[in-house]
């Protein structure tokens, strides 16, 4: 992972373990992926996740 443990702890409002778990399942156990569940997660959880991530990004100091 490219995100440090301290960064993930600082932003505990993000369900990092679930995100990592889904990624691992899709990458390593793709033959057992239930695409209905993936689509449900995309529809129900992705908009809120996107909003949270945008807030984290916008709160970071700019690098100039």
C-alpha atoms as a PDB file:
ATOM      1  CA  UNK A   1       0.000   0.000   0.000  1.00  0.00           C
ATOM      2  CA  UNK A   2       1.192   3.475  -0.769  1.00  0.00           C
ATOM      3  CA  UNK A   3      -0.737   4.987   2.124  1.00  0.00           C
ATOM      4  CA  UNK A   4       0.995   4.953   5.467  1.00  0.00           C
ATOM      5  CA  UNK A   5      -0.616   3.437   8.524  1.00  0.00           C
ATOM      6  CA  UNK A   6      -0.578   6.855  10.168  1.00  0.00           C
ATOM      7  CA  UNK A   7      -2.452   8.377   7.218  1.00  0.00           C
ATOM      8  CA  UNK A   8      -5.084   5.632   7.357  1.00  0.00           C
ATOM      9  CA  UNK A   9      -5.434   6.072  11.130  1.00  0.00           C
ATOM     10  CA  UNK A  10      -5.740   9.833  10.738  1.00  0.00           C
ATOM     11  CA  UNK A  11      -8.552   9.297   8.229  1.00  0.00           C
ATOM     12  CA  UNK A  12     -10.422   6.527   9.995  1.00  0.00           C
ATOM     13  CA  UNK A  13     -13.699   7.723   8.471  1.00  0.00           C
ATOM     14  CA  UNK A  14     -12.631   5.772   5.377  1.00  0.00           C
ATOM     15  CA  UNK A  15     -13.200   2.020   5.581  1.00  0.00           C
ATOM     16  CA  UNK A  16      -9.699   1.158   4.420  1.00  0.00           C
ATOM     17  CA  UNK A  17      -9.898  -2.544   5.350  1.00  0.00           C
ATOM     18  CA  UNK A  18     -13.061  -3.042   3.312  1.00  0.00           C
ATOM     19  CA  UNK A  19     -11.560  -1.229   0.332  1.00  0.00           C
ATOM     20  CA  UNK A  20      -8.375  -3.279   0.524  1.00  0.00           C
ATOM     21  CA  UNK A  21     -10.376  -6.476   0.975  1.00  0.00           C
ATOM     22  CA  UNK A  22     -12.499  -5.803  -2.095  1.00  0.00           C
ATOM     23  CA  UNK A  23      -9.446  -4.941  -4.162  1.00  0.00           C
ATOM     24  CA  UNK A  24      -7.707  -8.143  -3.085  1.00  0.00           C
ATOM     25  CA  UNK A  25     -10.777 -10.222  -3.878  1.00  0.00           C
ATOM     26  CA  UNK A  26     -11.151  -8.706  -7.347  1.00  0.00           C
ATOM     27  CA  UNK A  27      -7.439  -9.072  -8.131  1.00  0.00           C
ATOM     28  CA  UNK A  28      -6.662 -12.463  -6.584  1.00  0.00           C
ATOM     29  CA  UNK A  29      -9.987 -14.315  -6.482  1.00  0.00           C
ATOM     30  CA  UNK A  30     -11.671 -12.830  -9.528  1.00  0.00           C
ATOM     31  CA  UNK A  31     -13.274 -16.167 -10.378  1.00  0.00           C
ATOM     32  CA  UNK A  32     -15.348 -15.973  -7.184  1.00  0.00           C
ATOM     33  CA  UNK A  33     -16.408 -12.326  -7.440  1.00  0.00           C
ATOM     34  CA  UNK A  34     -20.136 -11.708  -7.282  1.00  0.00           C
ATOM     35  CA  UNK A  35     -20.590  -8.816  -9.695  1.00  0.00           C
ATOM     36  CA  UNK A  36     -24.014  -8.009  -8.293  1.00  0.00           C
ATOM     37  CA  UNK A  37     -22.340  -7.261  -4.966  1.00  0.00           C
ATOM     38  CA  UNK A  38     -19.639  -5.200  -6.674  1.00  0.00           C
ATOM     39  CA  UNK A  39     -22.294  -3.214  -8.547  1.00  0.00           C
ATOM     40  CA  UNK A  40     -24.262  -2.691  -5.332  1.00  0.00           C
ATOM     41  CA  UNK A  41     -21.156  -1.365  -3.573  1.00  0.00           C
ATOM     42  CA  UNK A  42     -20.428   0.949  -6.509  1.00  0.00           C
ATOM     43  CA  UNK A  43     -23.973   2.301  -6.482  1.00  0.00           C
ATOM     44  CA  UNK A  44     -24.435   2.586  -2.722  1.00  0.00           C
ATOM     45  CA  UNK A  45     -20.988   3.312  -1.288  1.00  0.00           C
ATOM     46  CA  UNK A  46     -18.857   4.924  -3.966  1.00  0.00           C
ATOM     47  CA  UNK A  47     -20.570   8.358  -3.999  1.00  0.00           C
ATOM     48  CA  UNK A  48     -20.028   8.847  -0.244  1.00  0.00           C
ATOM     49  CA  UNK A  49     -16.465   7.521  -0.465  1.00  0.00           C
ATOM     50  CA  UNK A  50     -15.703   9.907  -3.312  1.00  0.00           C
ATOM     51  CA  UNK A  51     -17.022  12.832  -1.260  1.00  0.00           C
ATOM     52  CA  UNK A  52     -14.892  11.863   1.761  1.00  0.00           C
ATOM     53  CA  UNK A  53     -11.761  11.435  -0.356  1.00  0.00           C
ATOM     54  CA  UNK A  54     -12.277  14.806  -2.045  1.00  0.00           C
ATOM     55  CA  UNK A  55     -12.540  16.422   1.399  1.00  0.00           C
ATOM     56  CA  UNK A  56      -9.285  14.773   2.493  1.00  0.00           C
ATOM     57  CA  UNK A  57      -7.513  15.886  -0.681  1.00  0.00           C
ATOM     58  CA  UNK A  58      -8.777  19.460  -0.454  1.00  0.00           C
ATOM     59  CA  UNK A  59      -7.705  19.748   3.198  1.00  0.00           C
ATOM     60  CA  UNK A  60      -4.105  18.834   2.417  1.00  0.00           C
ATOM     61  CA  UNK A  61      -1.621  21.678   2.079  1.00  0.00           C
ATOM     62  CA  UNK A  62      -0.749  22.389  -1.528  1.00  0.00           C
ATOM     63  CA  UNK A  63       2.748  21.564  -2.708  1.00  0.00           C
ATOM     64  CA  UNK A  64       4.190  24.592  -4.474  1.00  0.00           C
END
